[in-house]
Amino acid sequence: MRQKIMKIARSKKAATAIEYGLIAALIAVAAMTAIQSVASETTDMWNKVGSEVTNN
């Protein structure tokens, strides 16, 4: 079992797969951050619209 793990750890394919996984995780975090920012701005906009409609 240990030999298989060591073989995978030395494999270039495994290293490449790990790198792609890290890149995908980074992209996911960036996307979530962007979506949260847009969602916050959109919520603020609709709250303002709602208060304008209520006041007028």
C-alpha atoms as a PDB file:
ATOM      1  CA  MET A   1       0.000   0.000   0.000  1.00  0.00           C
ATOM      2  CA  ARG A   2       2.788   2.399   0.924  1.00  0.00           C
ATOM      3  CA  GLN A   3       4.567   1.684  -2.354  1.00  0.00           C
ATOM      4  CA  LYS A   4       1.439   2.579  -4.324  1.00  0.00           C
ATOM      5  CA  ILE A   5       1.098   5.881  -2.461  1.00  0.00           C
ATOM      6  CA  MET A   6       4.757   6.716  -3.062  1.00  0.00           C
ATOM      7  CA  LYS A   7       4.394   5.822  -6.749  1.00  0.00           C
ATOM      8  CA  ILE A   8       1.375   8.128  -7.070  1.00  0.00           C
ATOM      9  CA  ALA A   9       3.180  10.907  -5.181  1.00  0.00           C
ATOM     10  CA  ARG A  10       6.100  10.737  -7.634  1.00  0.00           C
ATOM     11  CA  SER A  11       3.857  10.561 -10.682  1.00  0.00           C
ATOM     12  CA  LYS A  12       3.744  13.649 -12.907  1.00  0.00           C
ATOM     13  CA  LYS A  13       0.113  12.924 -13.734  1.00  0.00           C
ATOM     14  CA  ALA A  14      -0.804  13.039 -10.061  1.00  0.00           C
ATOM     15  CA  ALA A  15       1.061  16.309  -9.600  1.00  0.00           C
ATOM     16  CA  THR A  16      -0.710  17.777 -12.610  1.00  0.00           C
ATOM     17  CA  ALA A  17      -4.087  16.627 -11.296  1.00  0.00           C
ATOM     18  CA  ILE A  18      -3.376  18.234  -7.928  1.00  0.00           C
ATOM     19  CA  GLU A  19      -2.344  21.477  -9.625  1.00  0.00           C
ATOM     20  CA  TYR A  20      -5.537  21.519 -11.692  1.00  0.00           C
ATOM     21  CA  GLY A  21      -7.532  20.869  -8.534  1.00  0.00           C
ATOM     22  CA  LEU A  22      -5.890  23.816  -6.786  1.00  0.00           C
ATOM     23  CA  ILE A  23      -6.529  26.067  -9.783  1.00  0.00           C
ATOM     24  CA  ALA A  24     -10.185  24.999  -9.856  1.00  0.00           C
ATOM     25  CA  ALA A  25     -10.511  25.722  -6.132  1.00  0.00           C
ATOM     26  CA  LEU A  26      -8.987  29.177  -6.605  1.00  0.00           C
ATOM     27  CA  ILE A  27     -11.379  29.942  -9.456  1.00  0.00           C
ATOM     28  CA  ALA A  28     -14.323  28.770  -7.330  1.00  0.00           C
ATOM     29  CA  VAL A  29     -13.309  31.051  -4.453  1.00  0.00           C
ATOM     30  CA  ALA A  30     -12.922  34.013  -6.822  1.00  0.00           C
ATOM     31  CA  ALA A  31     -16.326  33.311  -8.371  1.00  0.00           C
ATOM     32  CA  MET A  32     -18.023  33.088  -4.968  1.00  0.00           C
ATOM     33  CA  THR A  33     -16.455  36.390  -3.924  1.00  0.00           C
ATOM     34  CA  ALA A  34     -17.636  38.097  -7.107  1.00  0.00           C
ATOM     35  CA  ILE A  35     -21.138  36.664  -6.767  1.00  0.00           C
ATOM     36  CA  GLN A  36     -21.406  37.838  -3.154  1.00  0.00           C
ATOM     37  CA  SER A  37     -20.369  41.348  -4.173  1.00  0.00           C
ATOM     38  CA  VAL A  38     -22.924  41.489  -6.982  1.00  0.00           C
ATOM     39  CA  ALA A  39     -25.636  40.023  -4.751  1.00  0.00           C
ATOM     40  CA  SER A  40     -25.005  42.671  -2.097  1.00  0.00           C
ATOM     41  CA  GLU A  41     -25.206  45.489  -4.644  1.00  0.00           C
ATOM     42  CA  THR A  42     -28.376  44.031  -6.166  1.00  0.00           C
ATOM     43  CA  THR A  43     -30.039  43.700  -2.763  1.00  0.00           C
ATOM     44  CA  ASP A  44     -29.195  47.316  -1.955  1.00  0.00           C
ATOM     45  CA  MET A  45     -30.603  48.440  -5.303  1.00  0.00           C
ATOM     46  CA  TRP A  46     -33.908  46.604  -4.808  1.00  0.00           C
ATOM     47  CA  ASN A  47     -34.210  47.901  -1.251  1.00  0.00           C
ATOM     48  CA  LYS A  48     -33.813  51.445  -2.571  1.00  0.00           C
ATOM     49  CA  VAL A  49     -36.378  50.826  -5.306  1.00  0.00           C
ATOM     50  CA  GLY A  50     -38.805  49.408  -2.754  1.00  0.00           C
ATOM     51  CA  SER A  51     -38.434  52.370  -0.429  1.00  0.00           C
ATOM     52  CA  GLU A  52     -38.885  54.829  -3.320  1.00  0.00           C
ATOM     53  CA  VAL A  53     -42.071  53.072  -4.419  1.00  0.00           C
ATOM     54  CA  THR A  54     -43.388  53.041  -0.844  1.00  0.00           C
ATOM     55  CA  ASN A  55     -42.581  56.729  -0.243  1.00  0.00           C
ATOM     56  CA  ASN A  56     -44.072  57.970  -3.514  1.00  0.00           C
END
